[in-house]
Each structure stands twice: as C-alpha cells, then as structure tokens.
Amino acid sequence: MSKGRNDLARDIEASHLTKSIFIAGALLLGLAVGLGAIGAHALETALPQWYDDHERRLDAWHTAVFWQTVHALGLMLVAISPVARAGRGRLAAGLFVAGTILFSGCLYGWIISGQKFLVAPVPVGGTLLIAGWIALAVSAAKTGWSPGNSADSAG
C-alpha cells in the first residue's frame, strides 16, 4: 500500500528532525571533549592564578563537561530511536539543548568570568534536563514502541 501525501511529508519532516538532532548531539559531544581537555590542561594551571576557590571551579567545570556529555549522547539516542522516527522526540531534544546551554554553558561562563549572576540559571538548566528525560519517556510510551519491537512498529 502506498503512502499518502501527508504520510510522506511527515516521514520527510521526521527524517530531517532526526538528522538535526543527531548532528546537534555530535557537535555538543565534540565540544564537550574539547572543553574537557581545556579543563584538564589549561584551567588546572590558570584557575589558581585567577581565583582563590579554584578547586571548586575546576570541579564545577568537570561537572559541566560530564552533564554536557551525557545529554549530547541523549540527543543522539533520541535521534536514532523509534521515538524520533515516529515524529516525536522534538520536545525532549529541545529540552536537552536548552538545559545543556543553561546548565553547562552558564557554569562555563561563571568559571571563566567570575560573574556570579551566571550561576542563577544553572538549576533551571538542570530542571530542563530532567524534563527532557521525562518527555522522552512519555514520547516512547505514546509511540507504542518497545525495545523488542522492530523500528517499523514505532508509528
């Protein structure tokens, strides 16, 4: 049975969404590796010269890199899952990106600049990251997909 015009348009949109989400995850993951290297090499020597609380800031840097890595992988998981192929997953992906920017991005900004106002959005970012996992679970539940099913049964 051939697909209708609306089904085809939905499949194309889901395919573009899947690709965009995967690319975003890969870019965030690559950035996390680079930022991890900066933390391990450059900041270990620079922070003690800049701040008295350098150990706390370096720990915060590693925390930011860790959670950026986790959620970059989460984006890639969303992209390759049947959730995305069923046209769902947009909310989870958006929450992961926004949460990573607010959580990790604001921590990076605070650590480098020393501007304490940048710490305020960090809990909001963490909340968005949690909401992203909840949205992913809800999307998976709505697709009727389970790990034992084939990818074609996700719709």
N, C-alpha and C. Protein backbone atom coordinates (compact mmCIF):
# COMPACT_ATOMS: atom_id res chain seq x y z
N MET A 1 0.84 -1.18 0.00
CA MET A 1 0.00 0.00 0.00
C MET A 1 0.88 1.24 0.00
N SER A 2 0.62 2.17 -0.91
CA SER A 2 1.45 3.37 -0.99
C SER A 2 1.06 4.37 0.10
N LYS A 3 2.02 5.15 0.45
CA LYS A 3 1.79 6.15 1.48
C LYS A 3 1.10 7.36 0.87
N GLY A 4 0.27 8.01 1.66
CA GLY A 4 -0.37 9.22 1.22
C GLY A 4 0.58 10.40 1.29
N ARG A 5 0.17 11.50 0.71
CA ARG A 5 1.00 12.70 0.68
C ARG A 5 1.32 13.19 2.09
N ASN A 6 0.36 13.17 2.99
CA ASN A 6 0.59 13.61 4.36
C ASN A 6 1.56 12.69 5.09
N ASP A 7 1.45 11.38 4.86
CA ASP A 7 2.37 10.43 5.49
C ASP A 7 3.79 10.66 5.00
N LEU A 8 3.94 10.89 3.70
CA LEU A 8 5.26 11.12 3.12
C LEU A 8 5.86 12.42 3.68
N ALA A 9 5.09 13.46 3.75
CA ALA A 9 5.57 14.74 4.30
C ALA A 9 5.99 14.57 5.76
N ARG A 10 5.21 13.81 6.52
CA ARG A 10 5.53 13.55 7.92
C ARG A 10 6.83 12.76 8.05
N ASP A 11 7.02 11.78 7.17
CA ASP A 11 8.25 10.98 7.18
C ASP A 11 9.47 11.84 6.84
N ILE A 12 9.31 12.72 5.85
CA ILE A 12 10.43 13.60 5.47
C ILE A 12 10.76 14.55 6.62
N GLU A 13 9.74 15.13 7.25
CA GLU A 13 9.97 16.03 8.38
C GLU A 13 10.64 15.28 9.53
N ALA A 14 10.20 14.07 9.82
CA ALA A 14 10.81 13.28 10.89
C ALA A 14 12.26 12.95 10.55
N SER A 15 12.55 12.69 9.29
CA SER A 15 13.91 12.38 8.86
C SER A 15 14.82 13.59 9.05
N HIS A 16 14.35 14.76 8.68
CA HIS A 16 15.15 15.98 8.87
C HIS A 16 15.35 16.27 10.35
N LEU A 17 14.31 16.05 11.14
CA LEU A 17 14.41 16.26 12.58
C LEU A 17 15.43 15.30 13.18
N THR A 18 15.36 14.04 12.78
CA THR A 18 16.29 13.03 13.27
C THR A 18 17.73 13.42 12.95
N LYS A 19 17.96 13.83 11.73
CA LYS A 19 19.31 14.23 11.32
C LYS A 19 19.78 15.45 12.10
N SER A 20 18.94 16.44 12.27
CA SER A 20 19.31 17.66 13.00
C SER A 20 19.62 17.36 14.47
N ILE A 21 18.82 16.51 15.08
CA ILE A 21 19.04 16.15 16.47
C ILE A 21 20.36 15.39 16.61
N PHE A 22 20.63 14.47 15.70
CA PHE A 22 21.87 13.70 15.77
C PHE A 22 23.08 14.62 15.59
N ILE A 23 23.01 15.53 14.63
CA ILE A 23 24.11 16.47 14.39
C ILE A 23 24.34 17.34 15.62
N ALA A 24 23.26 17.84 16.22
CA ALA A 24 23.40 18.67 17.43
C ALA A 24 24.09 17.88 18.55
N GLY A 25 23.69 16.63 18.72
CA GLY A 25 24.32 15.79 19.74
C GLY A 25 25.79 15.57 19.45
N ALA A 26 26.13 15.29 18.20
CA ALA A 26 27.53 15.07 17.84
C ALA A 26 28.36 16.33 18.06
N LEU A 27 27.83 17.49 17.70
CA LEU A 27 28.56 18.75 17.91
C LEU A 27 28.75 19.04 19.40
N LEU A 28 27.70 18.85 20.18
CA LEU A 28 27.83 19.07 21.63
C LEU A 28 28.81 18.09 22.25
N LEU A 29 28.85 16.87 21.73
CA LEU A 29 29.79 15.87 22.24
C LEU A 29 31.23 16.25 21.90
N GLY A 30 31.46 16.66 20.68
CA GLY A 30 32.79 17.12 20.30
C GLY A 30 33.24 18.31 21.11
N LEU A 31 32.32 19.24 21.34
CA LEU A 31 32.63 20.42 22.16
C LEU A 31 32.95 20.00 23.59
N ALA A 32 32.23 19.02 24.11
CA ALA A 32 32.49 18.54 25.47
C ALA A 32 33.89 17.96 25.59
N VAL A 33 34.32 17.23 24.58
CA VAL A 33 35.67 16.67 24.60
C VAL A 33 36.70 17.80 24.64
N GLY A 34 36.51 18.80 23.80
CA GLY A 34 37.42 19.94 23.79
C GLY A 34 37.43 20.70 25.10
N LEU A 35 36.25 20.92 25.65
CA LEU A 35 36.16 21.64 26.93
C LEU A 35 36.73 20.81 28.07
N GLY A 36 36.58 19.50 27.98
CA GLY A 36 37.20 18.63 28.98
C GLY A 36 38.72 18.74 28.93
N ALA A 37 39.26 18.80 27.73
CA ALA A 37 40.71 18.95 27.58
C ALA A 37 41.18 20.30 28.12
N ILE A 38 40.42 21.34 27.85
CA ILE A 38 40.76 22.66 28.39
C ILE A 38 40.77 22.62 29.91
N GLY A 39 39.77 21.97 30.49
CA GLY A 39 39.70 21.86 31.95
C GLY A 39 40.86 21.06 32.52
N ALA A 40 41.23 20.01 31.83
CA ALA A 40 42.30 19.14 32.33
C ALA A 40 43.68 19.75 32.17
N HIS A 41 43.85 20.61 31.20
CA HIS A 41 45.19 21.13 30.93
C HIS A 41 45.32 22.62 31.24
N ALA A 42 44.57 23.45 30.55
CA ALA A 42 44.74 24.90 30.70
C ALA A 42 44.21 25.44 32.02
N LEU A 43 43.02 24.99 32.40
CA LEU A 43 42.41 25.57 33.61
C LEU A 43 43.09 25.11 34.89
N GLU A 44 43.66 23.93 34.89
CA GLU A 44 44.34 23.46 36.10
C GLU A 44 45.47 24.40 36.50
N THR A 45 46.10 25.02 35.53
CA THR A 45 47.18 25.95 35.86
C THR A 45 46.70 27.40 35.93
N ALA A 46 45.69 27.75 35.15
CA ALA A 46 45.22 29.14 35.11
C ALA A 46 44.33 29.52 36.28
N LEU A 47 43.41 28.64 36.68
CA LEU A 47 42.45 28.99 37.73
C LEU A 47 43.11 29.37 39.05
N PRO A 48 44.15 28.68 39.50
CA PRO A 48 44.77 29.09 40.77
C PRO A 48 45.31 30.52 40.73
N GLN A 49 45.70 30.99 39.55
CA GLN A 49 46.19 32.35 39.42
C GLN A 49 45.05 33.37 39.42
N TRP A 50 43.88 32.95 39.02
CA TRP A 50 42.75 33.86 38.90
C TRP A 50 41.88 33.92 40.14
N TYR A 51 41.65 32.77 40.79
CA TYR A 51 40.64 32.69 41.85
C TYR A 51 41.16 31.89 43.04
N ASP A 52 40.73 32.31 44.22
CA ASP A 52 41.07 31.56 45.44
C ASP A 52 40.33 30.23 45.51
N ASP A 53 39.11 30.20 44.99
CA ASP A 53 38.29 28.99 45.04
C ASP A 53 38.46 28.14 43.78
N HIS A 54 39.68 28.05 43.29
CA HIS A 54 39.95 27.38 42.01
C HIS A 54 39.58 25.90 42.01
N GLU A 55 39.71 25.22 43.16
CA GLU A 55 39.36 23.79 43.19
C GLU A 55 37.86 23.61 42.98
N ARG A 56 37.07 24.46 43.60
CA ARG A 56 35.62 24.40 43.44
C ARG A 56 35.23 24.68 41.98
N ARG A 57 35.88 25.64 41.38
CA ARG A 57 35.58 25.99 39.99
C ARG A 57 36.00 24.87 39.04
N LEU A 58 37.12 24.24 39.30
CA LEU A 58 37.56 23.14 38.44
C LEU A 58 36.61 21.95 38.57
N ASP A 59 36.14 21.68 39.78
CA ASP A 59 35.13 20.63 39.98
C ASP A 59 33.86 20.96 39.21
N ALA A 60 33.45 22.23 39.27
CA ALA A 60 32.25 22.66 38.54
C ALA A 60 32.45 22.51 37.04
N TRP A 61 33.64 22.80 36.55
CA TRP A 61 33.95 22.64 35.12
C TRP A 61 33.77 21.18 34.71
N HIS A 62 34.34 20.27 35.50
CA HIS A 62 34.22 18.85 35.19
C HIS A 62 32.77 18.38 35.25
N THR A 63 32.00 18.92 36.20
CA THR A 63 30.57 18.61 36.28
C THR A 63 29.85 19.08 35.03
N ALA A 64 30.15 20.28 34.58
CA ALA A 64 29.52 20.83 33.37
C ALA A 64 29.85 19.97 32.16
N VAL A 65 31.11 19.58 32.03
CA VAL A 65 31.52 18.74 30.90
C VAL A 65 30.82 17.38 30.96
N PHE A 66 30.76 16.80 32.16
CA PHE A 66 30.11 15.49 32.31
C PHE A 66 28.65 15.54 31.87
N TRP A 67 27.89 16.52 32.37
CA TRP A 67 26.47 16.57 32.04
C TRP A 67 26.24 16.99 30.59
N GLN A 68 27.15 17.78 30.02
CA GLN A 68 27.05 18.08 28.60
C GLN A 68 27.24 16.80 27.79
N THR A 69 28.20 15.99 28.19
CA THR A 69 28.46 14.72 27.50
C THR A 69 27.26 13.80 27.58
N VAL A 70 26.71 13.65 28.77
CA VAL A 70 25.55 12.77 28.95
C VAL A 70 24.39 13.21 28.06
N HIS A 71 24.14 14.52 28.00
CA HIS A 71 22.97 14.97 27.26
C HIS A 71 23.23 15.08 25.76
N ALA A 72 24.49 15.21 25.36
CA ALA A 72 24.82 15.09 23.94
C ALA A 72 24.55 13.66 23.47
N LEU A 73 24.96 12.69 24.28
CA LEU A 73 24.64 11.29 23.98
C LEU A 73 23.14 11.07 24.01
N GLY A 74 22.44 11.73 24.94
CA GLY A 74 20.99 11.65 25.00
C GLY A 74 20.34 12.15 23.72
N LEU A 75 20.86 13.24 23.17
CA LEU A 75 20.35 13.75 21.89
C LEU A 75 20.53 12.72 20.78
N MET A 76 21.70 12.10 20.76
CA MET A 76 21.96 11.10 19.73
C MET A 76 21.05 9.88 19.92
N LEU A 77 20.78 9.54 21.16
CA LEU A 77 19.85 8.46 21.46
C LEU A 77 18.45 8.80 20.95
N VAL A 78 18.02 10.02 21.20
CA VAL A 78 16.71 10.45 20.70
C VAL A 78 16.68 10.30 19.18
N ALA A 79 17.75 10.74 18.52
CA ALA A 79 17.78 10.74 17.05
C ALA A 79 17.70 9.34 16.46
N ILE A 80 18.34 8.37 17.08
CA ILE A 80 18.36 7.03 16.49
C ILE A 80 17.22 6.15 17.00
N SER A 81 16.45 6.66 17.92
CA SER A 81 15.37 5.85 18.49
C SER A 81 14.12 5.90 17.62
N PRO A 82 13.28 4.91 17.73
CA PRO A 82 12.00 4.94 17.02
C PRO A 82 11.12 6.12 17.43
N VAL A 83 11.40 6.71 18.57
CA VAL A 83 10.65 7.89 19.01
C VAL A 83 10.79 9.00 17.97
N ALA A 84 12.02 9.24 17.53
CA ALA A 84 12.24 10.28 16.52
C ALA A 84 11.67 9.88 15.18
N ARG A 85 11.82 8.61 14.80
CA ARG A 85 11.28 8.17 13.51
C ARG A 85 9.76 8.26 13.47
N ALA A 86 9.13 8.23 14.62
CA ALA A 86 7.68 8.38 14.67
C ALA A 86 7.27 9.85 14.71
N GLY A 87 8.24 10.75 14.58
CA GLY A 87 7.95 12.18 14.57
C GLY A 87 7.85 12.77 15.96
N ARG A 88 8.24 12.02 16.95
CA ARG A 88 8.23 12.51 18.32
C ARG A 88 9.68 12.77 18.74
N GLY A 89 9.87 13.28 19.90
CA GLY A 89 11.22 13.50 20.38
C GLY A 89 11.69 14.93 20.28
N ARG A 90 10.95 15.77 19.56
CA ARG A 90 11.32 17.17 19.40
C ARG A 90 11.37 17.88 20.75
N LEU A 91 10.40 17.64 21.59
CA LEU A 91 10.38 18.30 22.90
C LEU A 91 11.56 17.86 23.75
N ALA A 92 11.82 16.55 23.80
CA ALA A 92 12.95 16.04 24.58
C ALA A 92 14.25 16.64 24.08
N ALA A 93 14.44 16.67 22.77
CA ALA A 93 15.66 17.22 22.19
C ALA A 93 15.81 18.70 22.52
N GLY A 94 14.73 19.44 22.40
CA GLY A 94 14.78 20.87 22.73
C GLY A 94 15.11 21.12 24.18
N LEU A 95 14.54 20.30 25.05
CA LEU A 95 14.84 20.44 26.48
C LEU A 95 16.29 20.08 26.78
N PHE A 96 16.82 19.07 26.11
CA PHE A 96 18.23 18.70 26.30
C PHE A 96 19.15 19.84 25.87
N VAL A 97 18.86 20.44 24.71
CA VAL A 97 19.70 21.53 24.22
C VAL A 97 19.61 22.75 25.14
N ALA A 98 18.38 23.17 25.45
CA ALA A 98 18.21 24.34 26.32
C ALA A 98 18.80 24.09 27.71
N GLY A 99 18.58 22.90 28.23
CA GLY A 99 19.12 22.56 29.55
C GLY A 99 20.63 22.54 29.56
N THR A 100 21.23 22.02 28.50
CA THR A 100 22.69 21.99 28.42
C THR A 100 23.26 23.40 28.33
N ILE A 101 22.63 24.24 27.55
CA ILE A 101 23.09 25.63 27.44
C ILE A 101 23.01 26.33 28.79
N LEU A 102 21.87 26.19 29.47
CA LEU A 102 21.71 26.87 30.76
C LEU A 102 22.57 26.24 31.85
N PHE A 103 22.62 24.93 31.90
CA PHE A 103 23.38 24.27 32.97
C PHE A 103 24.88 24.36 32.70
N SER A 104 25.34 23.70 31.67
CA SER A 104 26.78 23.67 31.40
C SER A 104 27.30 25.02 30.93
N GLY A 105 26.58 25.64 30.01
CA GLY A 105 27.02 26.93 29.47
C GLY A 105 27.18 28.00 30.53
N CYS A 106 26.22 28.09 31.43
CA CYS A 106 26.32 29.10 32.50
C CYS A 106 27.43 28.76 33.48
N LEU A 107 27.64 27.47 33.75
CA LEU A 107 28.77 27.10 34.60
C LEU A 107 30.09 27.48 33.94
N TYR A 108 30.24 27.20 32.65
CA TYR A 108 31.46 27.58 31.94
C TYR A 108 31.67 29.10 32.05
N GLY A 109 30.60 29.83 31.79
CA GLY A 109 30.69 31.30 31.84
C GLY A 109 31.10 31.81 33.21
N TRP A 110 30.50 31.25 34.26
CA TRP A 110 30.85 31.66 35.63
C TRP A 110 32.30 31.33 35.95
N ILE A 111 32.73 30.15 35.59
CA ILE A 111 34.09 29.71 35.92
C ILE A 111 35.12 30.61 35.25
N ILE A 112 34.90 30.95 34.00
CA ILE A 112 35.86 31.77 33.27
C ILE A 112 35.77 33.24 33.67
N SER A 113 34.54 33.76 33.78
CA SER A 113 34.38 35.21 34.01
C SER A 113 34.34 35.61 35.48
N GLY A 114 33.92 34.68 36.34
CA GLY A 114 33.75 35.02 37.75
C GLY A 114 32.45 35.75 38.05
N GLN A 115 31.60 35.93 37.04
CA GLN A 115 30.33 36.63 37.22
C GLN A 115 29.31 35.72 37.89
N LYS A 116 29.00 36.02 39.15
CA LYS A 116 28.13 35.13 39.93
C LYS A 116 26.70 35.05 39.40
N PHE A 117 26.24 36.07 38.70
CA PHE A 117 24.87 36.03 38.17
C PHE A 117 24.68 34.87 37.20
N LEU A 118 25.77 34.37 36.63
CA LEU A 118 25.68 33.25 35.69
C LEU A 118 25.34 31.93 36.37
N VAL A 119 25.48 31.87 37.69
CA VAL A 119 25.15 30.65 38.42
C VAL A 119 23.63 30.50 38.59
N ALA A 120 22.91 31.61 38.61
CA ALA A 120 21.47 31.58 38.87
C ALA A 120 20.69 30.68 37.90
N PRO A 121 20.97 30.69 36.59
CA PRO A 121 20.20 29.83 35.67
C PRO A 121 20.56 28.34 35.72
N VAL A 122 21.62 27.99 36.41
CA VAL A 122 22.08 26.60 36.41
C VAL A 122 21.00 25.62 36.90
N PRO A 123 20.32 25.90 38.02
CA PRO A 123 19.26 24.96 38.44
C PRO A 123 18.10 24.86 37.44
N VAL A 124 17.82 25.95 36.75
CA VAL A 124 16.79 25.90 35.71
C VAL A 124 17.23 24.96 34.59
N GLY A 125 18.50 25.05 34.22
CA GLY A 125 19.05 24.15 33.21
C GLY A 125 18.96 22.70 33.65
N GLY A 126 19.29 22.43 34.90
CA GLY A 126 19.18 21.07 35.42
C GLY A 126 17.75 20.56 35.38
N THR A 127 16.81 21.44 35.70
CA THR A 127 15.40 21.07 35.66
C THR A 127 14.96 20.75 34.23
N LEU A 128 15.44 21.53 33.27
CA LEU A 128 15.12 21.26 31.86
C LEU A 128 15.70 19.92 31.41
N LEU A 129 16.89 19.59 31.89
CA LEU A 129 17.49 18.30 31.54
C LEU A 129 16.64 17.14 32.07
N ILE A 130 16.19 17.26 33.30
CA ILE A 130 15.31 16.24 33.88
C ILE A 130 14.01 16.15 33.09
N ALA A 131 13.45 17.31 32.76
CA ALA A 131 12.21 17.34 31.98
C ALA A 131 12.40 16.69 30.61
N GLY A 132 13.59 16.83 30.04
CA GLY A 132 13.88 16.19 28.75
C GLY A 132 13.78 14.68 28.83
N TRP A 133 14.31 14.11 29.91
CA TRP A 133 14.22 12.64 30.07
C TRP A 133 12.77 12.21 30.27
N ILE A 134 12.00 13.00 31.00
CA ILE A 134 10.58 12.69 31.19
C ILE A 134 9.85 12.77 29.86
N ALA A 135 10.14 13.83 29.09
CA ALA A 135 9.50 13.98 27.78
C ALA A 135 9.85 12.82 26.86
N LEU A 136 11.09 12.35 26.92
CA LEU A 136 11.50 11.21 26.11
C LEU A 136 10.73 9.95 26.51
N ALA A 137 10.57 9.75 27.81
CA ALA A 137 9.82 8.58 28.29
C ALA A 137 8.36 8.65 27.84
N VAL A 138 7.76 9.82 27.95
CA VAL A 138 6.36 9.99 27.53
C VAL A 138 6.24 9.77 26.02
N SER A 139 7.18 10.31 25.26
CA SER A 139 7.16 10.11 23.80
C SER A 139 7.28 8.64 23.44
N ALA A 140 8.16 7.93 24.14
CA ALA A 140 8.32 6.49 23.88
C ALA A 140 7.04 5.75 24.20
N ALA A 141 6.40 6.13 25.29
CA ALA A 141 5.15 5.47 25.68
C ALA A 141 4.05 5.72 24.65
N LYS A 142 4.02 6.90 24.07
CA LYS A 142 2.99 7.25 23.09
C LYS A 142 3.20 6.59 21.74
N THR A 143 4.40 6.16 21.43
CA THR A 143 4.65 5.54 20.13
C THR A 143 4.17 4.10 20.08
N GLY A 144 4.01 3.48 21.23
CA GLY A 144 3.67 2.07 21.25
C GLY A 144 4.88 1.19 21.02
N TRP A 145 6.05 1.81 20.99
CA TRP A 145 7.31 1.11 20.75
C TRP A 145 7.81 0.48 22.04
N SER A 146 8.44 -0.66 21.89
CA SER A 146 9.17 -1.26 23.00
C SER A 146 10.47 -1.81 22.41
N PRO A 147 11.51 -1.96 23.23
CA PRO A 147 12.80 -2.39 22.69
C PRO A 147 12.75 -3.69 21.90
N GLY A 148 11.80 -4.55 22.14
CA GLY A 148 11.72 -5.80 21.41
C GLY A 148 11.05 -5.69 20.06
N ASN A 149 10.37 -4.55 19.82
CA ASN A 149 9.69 -4.35 18.54
C ASN A 149 10.66 -3.86 17.49
N SER A 150 10.32 -4.07 16.23
CA SER A 150 11.14 -3.54 15.16
C SER A 150 10.93 -2.05 15.06
N ALA A 151 11.86 -1.36 14.42
CA ALA A 151 11.77 0.09 14.25
C ALA A 151 10.53 0.49 13.47
N ASP A 152 10.07 -0.39 12.57
CA ASP A 152 8.92 -0.06 11.75
C ASP A 152 7.63 0.01 12.54
N SER A 153 7.60 -0.53 13.73
CA SER A 153 6.36 -0.52 14.52
C SER A 153 6.27 0.68 15.43
N ALA A 154 7.15 1.67 15.24
CA ALA A 154 7.17 2.83 16.13
C ALA A 154 6.02 3.77 15.89
N GLY A 155 5.43 3.80 14.75
CA GLY A 155 4.40 4.78 14.45
C GLY A 155 3.13 4.43 15.06
